[in-house]
Amino acid sequence: MDRRQDALLAACRLVDAVNRVVTSRSGRQVGTVGAFLVPGAPDIVPGRVELSLDIRDMDEDEIGALVLELESGGRIGRAEFSFTRFHFHFHEPVETHPRRAPRAVG
């Protein structure tokens, strides 16, 4: 088990990192991870995982700073990760509901 390079485990740790980065700052920014694509069979440790990451804030510069902070890690445990920005969808900024503000998970 200690020699496995489980990409799904690393992806789960990335989800935790997104939560930590987004909740470490004051403000009403949000970060959502979803749409996991885990290729392979149920009994094979995945070597690659693709997922979606959605970061939102009222300030585009703050969004960029959050993404940069996540990208600067580049590694979780023994697993390396990278971001491919394949889709940007911009809307006019809107306030998030105060009760939907980020909270620590756990």
Protein backbone atom coordinates (compact mmCIF):
# COMPACT_ATOMS: atom_id res chain seq x y z
CA MET A 1 0.00 0.00 0.00
CA ASP A 2 2.83 2.43 0.77
CA ARG A 3 4.10 2.25 -2.84
CA ARG A 4 0.79 2.98 -4.51
CA GLN A 5 0.42 6.26 -6.34
CA ASP A 6 -3.32 6.54 -6.06
CA ALA A 7 -4.47 9.51 -8.14
CA LEU A 8 -7.95 9.36 -6.60
CA LEU A 9 -6.52 9.73 -3.10
CA ALA A 10 -4.47 12.71 -4.33
CA ALA A 11 -7.63 14.19 -5.90
CA CYS A 12 -9.40 13.86 -2.54
CA ARG A 13 -6.51 15.70 -0.90
CA LEU A 14 -6.82 18.40 -3.56
CA VAL A 15 -10.49 18.79 -2.61
CA ASP A 16 -9.35 19.32 0.98
CA ALA A 17 -6.71 21.83 -0.20
CA VAL A 18 -9.37 23.79 -2.12
CA ASN A 19 -11.48 23.95 1.04
CA ARG A 20 -8.51 25.12 3.12
CA VAL A 21 -7.41 27.78 0.61
CA VAL A 22 -10.90 29.17 0.06
CA THR A 23 -11.80 29.26 3.77
CA SER A 24 -8.42 30.69 4.85
CA ARG A 25 -9.31 34.16 3.56
CA SER A 26 -11.96 36.53 4.73
CA GLY A 27 -14.67 37.24 2.21
CA ARG A 28 -17.42 35.33 0.48
CA GLN A 29 -15.40 33.48 -2.15
CA VAL A 30 -16.41 29.91 -2.91
CA GLY A 31 -14.62 26.90 -4.37
CA THR A 32 -16.33 23.78 -5.65
CA VAL A 33 -14.73 20.58 -6.89
CA GLY A 34 -16.74 18.03 -8.83
CA ALA A 35 -17.20 15.99 -12.00
CA PHE A 36 -14.54 13.41 -11.19
CA LEU A 37 -13.40 11.26 -14.10
CA VAL A 38 -11.61 8.18 -12.78
CA PRO A 39 -10.61 5.88 -15.64
CA GLY A 40 -10.02 2.18 -15.14
CA ALA A 41 -11.65 -0.80 -13.52
CA PRO A 42 -12.92 -0.97 -9.93
CA ASP A 43 -9.95 -3.10 -8.83
CA ILE A 44 -7.21 -0.91 -10.39
CA VAL A 45 -5.54 1.98 -8.58
CA PRO A 46 -6.07 4.98 -10.85
CA GLY A 47 -2.94 6.64 -12.20
CA ARG A 48 -4.84 9.70 -13.39
CA VAL A 49 -7.96 11.56 -12.31
CA GLU A 50 -9.63 14.52 -13.97
CA LEU A 51 -11.97 16.80 -12.09
CA SER A 52 -13.59 20.20 -12.33
CA LEU A 53 -12.75 23.17 -10.13
CA ASP A 54 -14.98 26.23 -9.87
CA ILE A 55 -13.70 29.27 -7.96
CA ARG A 56 -15.97 32.30 -7.57
CA ASP A 57 -15.54 35.72 -6.03
CA MET A 58 -16.68 39.28 -6.64
CA ASP A 59 -13.12 40.24 -7.63
CA GLU A 60 -11.38 38.65 -10.64
CA ASP A 61 -7.97 39.33 -9.08
CA GLU A 62 -8.99 37.40 -5.98
CA ILE A 63 -10.07 34.46 -8.13
CA GLY A 64 -6.67 34.55 -9.83
CA ALA A 65 -4.90 34.66 -6.47
CA LEU A 66 -6.85 31.65 -5.18
CA VAL A 67 -6.09 29.64 -8.31
CA LEU A 68 -2.41 30.63 -8.16
CA GLU A 69 -2.20 29.52 -4.55
CA LEU A 70 -3.63 26.13 -5.49
CA GLU A 71 -1.42 25.81 -8.58
CA SER A 72 1.71 26.71 -6.65
CA GLY A 73 1.37 23.49 -4.65
CA GLY A 74 1.82 21.33 -7.74
CA ARG A 75 2.22 18.27 -5.57
CA ILE A 76 0.16 16.45 -2.96
CA GLY A 77 2.10 13.69 -1.28
CA ARG A 78 3.86 11.81 -4.06
CA ALA A 79 1.28 12.76 -6.67
CA GLU A 80 1.84 15.67 -9.02
CA PHE A 81 -1.04 17.68 -10.33
CA SER A 82 -1.62 20.41 -12.86
CA PHE A 83 -4.52 22.58 -13.96
CA THR A 84 -5.77 22.86 -17.49
CA ARG A 85 -7.96 25.87 -17.95
CA PHE A 86 -10.32 24.68 -20.58
CA HIS A 87 -13.46 26.64 -19.85
CA PHE A 88 -14.05 30.12 -18.60
CA HIS A 89 -17.52 31.45 -18.17
CA PHE A 90 -17.79 34.98 -16.90
CA HIS A 91 -20.91 36.55 -15.47
CA GLU A 92 -21.40 39.89 -13.84
CA PRO A 93 -20.34 39.54 -10.20
CA VAL A 94 -23.18 38.87 -7.78
CA GLU A 95 -23.19 38.69 -4.01
CA THR A 96 -23.27 35.23 -2.50
CA HIS A 97 -25.83 34.58 0.17
CA PRO A 98 -24.29 35.14 3.65
CA ARG A 99 -25.55 31.75 4.88
CA ARG A 100 -23.84 30.10 1.92
CA ALA A 101 -20.46 31.60 2.81
CA PRO A 102 -17.63 29.04 3.00
CA ARG A 103 -17.33 26.97 6.13
CA ALA A 104 -14.72 24.44 7.12
CA VAL A 105 -15.72 20.87 6.41
CA GLY A 106 -15.24 18.18 9.01
